[in-house]
Protein backbone atom coordinates (compact mmCIF):
# COMPACT_ATOMS: atom_id res chain seq x y z
CA MET A 1 -4.31 0.88 67.57
CA ARG A 2 -6.22 -0.58 64.62
CA ASP A 3 -6.90 2.96 63.25
CA LEU A 4 -3.19 3.79 63.47
CA LYS A 5 -2.30 0.60 61.54
CA ASN A 6 -4.90 1.38 58.88
CA THR A 7 -3.65 4.95 58.58
CA LEU A 8 -0.04 3.81 58.27
CA LEU A 9 -1.04 1.22 55.70
CA ILE A 10 -2.90 3.84 53.65
CA VAL A 11 0.08 6.23 53.83
CA PHE A 12 2.45 3.43 52.83
CA VAL A 13 0.28 2.41 49.84
CA PHE A 14 -0.05 6.07 48.81
CA LEU A 15 3.73 6.58 48.94
CA ILE A 16 4.36 3.47 46.83
CA ALA A 17 1.71 4.49 44.31
CA PHE A 18 2.96 8.08 44.17
CA SER A 19 6.61 7.12 43.71
CA SER A 20 5.81 4.58 40.99
CA CYS A 21 3.57 6.99 39.04
CA SER A 22 5.63 10.13 39.41
CA GLY A 23 7.37 9.83 36.06
CA LEU A 24 10.76 9.58 37.78
CA ARG A 25 12.95 6.52 37.86
CA LYS A 26 16.31 5.80 39.37
CA ALA A 27 19.02 4.42 37.08
CA ASP A 28 22.64 4.00 38.14
CA ASN A 29 21.95 6.12 41.25
CA LYS A 30 20.74 9.00 39.06
CA VAL A 31 17.24 10.36 39.00
CA VAL A 32 15.95 10.40 35.45
CA ASN A 33 12.83 12.31 34.46
CA VAL A 34 10.61 10.26 32.14
CA ASN A 35 8.07 12.25 30.11
CA ILE A 36 5.05 9.97 29.97
CA ASP A 37 3.45 11.98 27.13
CA SER A 38 6.48 11.50 24.90
CA VAL A 39 6.50 7.77 25.66
CA TYR A 40 2.80 7.57 24.74
CA ASN A 41 3.37 9.54 21.51
CA HIS A 42 6.28 7.23 20.65
CA ILE A 43 4.03 4.19 21.13
CA LEU A 44 1.38 5.76 18.88
CA MET A 45 3.92 6.53 16.14
CA ASP A 46 5.65 3.14 16.30
CA SER A 47 2.60 0.90 16.52
CA ILE A 48 2.27 -1.28 13.44
CA LEU A 49 -0.78 -1.04 11.20
CA VAL A 50 -1.29 -3.68 8.51
CA SER A 51 -1.98 -2.57 4.95
CA GLY A 52 -5.62 -1.67 4.45
CA TRP A 53 -8.32 0.97 4.97
CA TYR A 54 -8.95 2.53 8.40
CA TYR A 55 -11.16 5.14 10.00
CA ILE A 56 -9.48 8.47 10.70
CA ILE A 57 -10.66 9.59 14.12
CA GLU A 58 -10.89 13.01 15.73
CA THR A 59 -9.36 12.10 19.08
CA ASN A 60 -5.76 11.27 19.82
CA ASN A 61 -6.75 7.77 20.95
CA GLY A 62 -5.64 6.36 17.60
CA PHE A 63 -2.23 5.78 16.09
CA LYS A 64 -0.71 9.05 14.98
CA ARG A 65 0.43 9.04 11.37
CA GLN A 66 1.80 11.67 9.04
CA LEU A 67 0.24 11.61 5.60
CA ASP A 68 3.06 10.57 3.27
CA LYS A 69 4.48 13.44 1.20
CA SER A 70 2.56 15.95 3.31
CA ASP A 71 2.87 17.88 6.56
CA GLU A 72 -0.58 16.71 7.70
CA PHE A 73 -1.03 14.39 10.71
CA TYR A 74 -4.02 12.19 11.48
CA PHE A 75 -5.06 9.74 14.17
CA VAL A 76 -5.92 6.33 12.76
CA ASP A 77 -8.27 3.92 14.52
CA PRO A 78 -6.10 0.78 14.85
CA ARG A 79 -9.00 -1.53 13.91
CA PRO A 80 -8.97 -1.90 10.12
CA ILE A 81 -12.08 -1.69 7.99
CA LEU A 82 -10.56 -3.77 5.20
CA VAL A 83 -7.10 -5.32 4.88
CA LYS A 84 -5.25 -6.25 1.73
CA ASP A 85 -6.64 -9.80 1.88
CA HIS A 86 -10.07 -8.26 1.17
CA PHE A 87 -8.85 -6.82 -2.15
CA ASP A 88 -9.54 -8.71 -5.38
CA LYS A 89 -7.74 -6.75 -8.04
CA ILE A 90 -5.23 -3.92 -7.95
CA GLU A 91 -4.42 -2.05 -11.15
CA LEU A 92 -2.65 1.13 -12.18
CA PHE A 93 -4.69 3.61 -14.18
CA GLU A 94 -3.68 6.62 -16.24
CA THR A 95 -5.76 9.43 -17.62
CA ASP A 96 -5.21 12.99 -18.71
CA PHE A 97 -8.10 14.02 -16.42
CA LYS A 98 -9.30 16.39 -19.12
CA GLY A 99 -6.05 18.32 -19.17
CA GLN A 100 -5.98 19.24 -15.47
CA TYR A 101 -2.93 17.07 -14.80
CA PRO A 102 -0.20 16.12 -17.28
CA ASP A 103 0.13 12.54 -15.96
CA TYR A 104 -2.74 11.59 -13.71
CA ILE A 105 -1.77 8.16 -12.37
CA GLY A 106 -3.49 6.20 -9.67
CA LEU A 107 -3.98 2.80 -8.13
CA GLU A 108 -7.44 1.27 -8.52
CA ILE A 109 -8.42 -1.25 -5.84
CA ARG A 110 -11.36 -3.61 -6.34
CA ILE A 111 -12.79 -5.06 -3.16
CA ASN A 112 -13.74 -8.74 -2.98
CA LYS A 113 -17.50 -9.06 -3.52
CA GLU A 114 -17.92 -10.59 -0.06
CA TYR A 115 -16.80 -7.28 1.50
CA VAL A 116 -18.49 -4.74 -0.78
CA ASN A 117 -21.31 -4.14 1.72
CA LEU A 118 -18.78 -3.65 4.52
CA TRP A 119 -17.04 -0.98 2.44
CA ALA A 120 -20.36 0.67 1.56
CA THR A 121 -21.34 0.83 5.23
CA ALA A 122 -17.93 2.20 6.24
CA THR A 123 -18.04 4.92 3.60
CA GLU A 124 -21.61 5.86 4.53
CA LYS A 125 -20.60 6.10 8.20
CA SER A 126 -17.71 8.34 7.18
CA ILE A 127 -19.49 10.90 5.00
CA GLY A 128 -17.90 14.27 5.77
CA LYS A 129 -14.97 12.51 7.49
CA ARG A 130 -11.78 10.88 6.30
CA LEU A 131 -10.66 7.32 5.79
CA GLY A 132 -7.02 6.32 5.67
CA LEU A 133 -5.19 3.91 3.40
CA ILE A 134 -2.17 2.35 5.08
CA ILE A 135 0.46 0.57 3.01
CA ASP A 136 3.45 -0.90 4.84
CA ASN A 137 2.52 0.96 8.04
CA LYS A 138 2.54 4.28 6.16
CA LEU A 139 -0.50 6.54 5.67
CA VAL A 140 -0.53 7.06 1.90
CA ASN A 141 -4.05 8.42 1.42
CA ALA A 142 -6.61 10.15 3.66
CA PRO A 143 -9.46 11.27 1.42
CA GLN A 144 -12.62 12.88 2.70
CA VAL A 145 -15.65 10.73 2.01
CA ASN A 146 -18.44 12.53 0.17
CA ALA A 147 -20.87 9.68 -0.45
CA ARG A 148 -21.57 6.01 0.18
CA ILE A 149 -19.47 3.90 -2.19
CA GLU A 150 -21.43 0.84 -3.23
CA GLY A 151 -19.50 -0.47 -6.23
CA GLY A 152 -16.66 -2.08 -4.31
CA MET A 153 -14.06 0.27 -5.74
CA THR A 154 -11.49 2.46 -4.08
CA ALA A 155 -8.38 4.22 -5.31
CA LEU A 156 -5.12 5.82 -4.36
CA ASN A 157 -5.17 8.90 -6.56
CA ARG A 158 -3.42 11.77 -4.78
CA SER A 159 -1.24 12.53 -7.84
CA VAL A 160 1.88 12.74 -5.63
CA TYR A 161 3.22 9.29 -6.47
CA SER A 162 5.20 8.30 -9.52
CA LYS A 163 4.28 5.32 -11.65
CA GLU A 164 7.18 3.39 -10.11
CA GLU A 165 5.99 4.12 -6.56
CA LEU A 166 2.48 3.00 -7.42
CA LYS A 167 3.84 -0.21 -8.94
CA LYS A 168 5.62 -0.90 -5.63
CA PHE A 169 2.39 -0.27 -3.72
CA LYS A 170 0.58 -2.64 -6.07
CA THR A 171 3.13 -5.37 -5.40
CA ARG A 172 2.90 -4.84 -1.62
CA LEU A 173 -0.88 -5.05 -1.66
CA LYS A 174 -0.98 -8.39 -3.51
């Protein structure tokens, strides 16, 4: 008798677990199919990231973001490396870049001296990989890191933003 009770209990628990994890739900006496993958992707796209620098990761365990003004997508580790409170000075810069671009405009970001070593370590860890700059929950830059950056400087210099757009970014990062 005890084995029968245990078997029935196991079957009952299995049925409850199966029905709750099946991806189906009943609403207004209708069976509605819920695509768990689309729900997960929606969560990844809608999760809020504060303004700052992040690691771009290879797996889809991060928050999926489209690089602004691009058709590229990346997964961003939700733990920031630096946030805007770690920035000391933010300035626009212009140069002719030796004639390669007519108006080469960018946003120079100086990191607070207390966090320069953190930035240097993060860039060293990321050599050959990408880091992502998020401003207002939008991926605005995802450069590949080629070397350790020790001077406490970083920049947004994709040459896809107008001077006015960069001024808005500057204001949002202060």
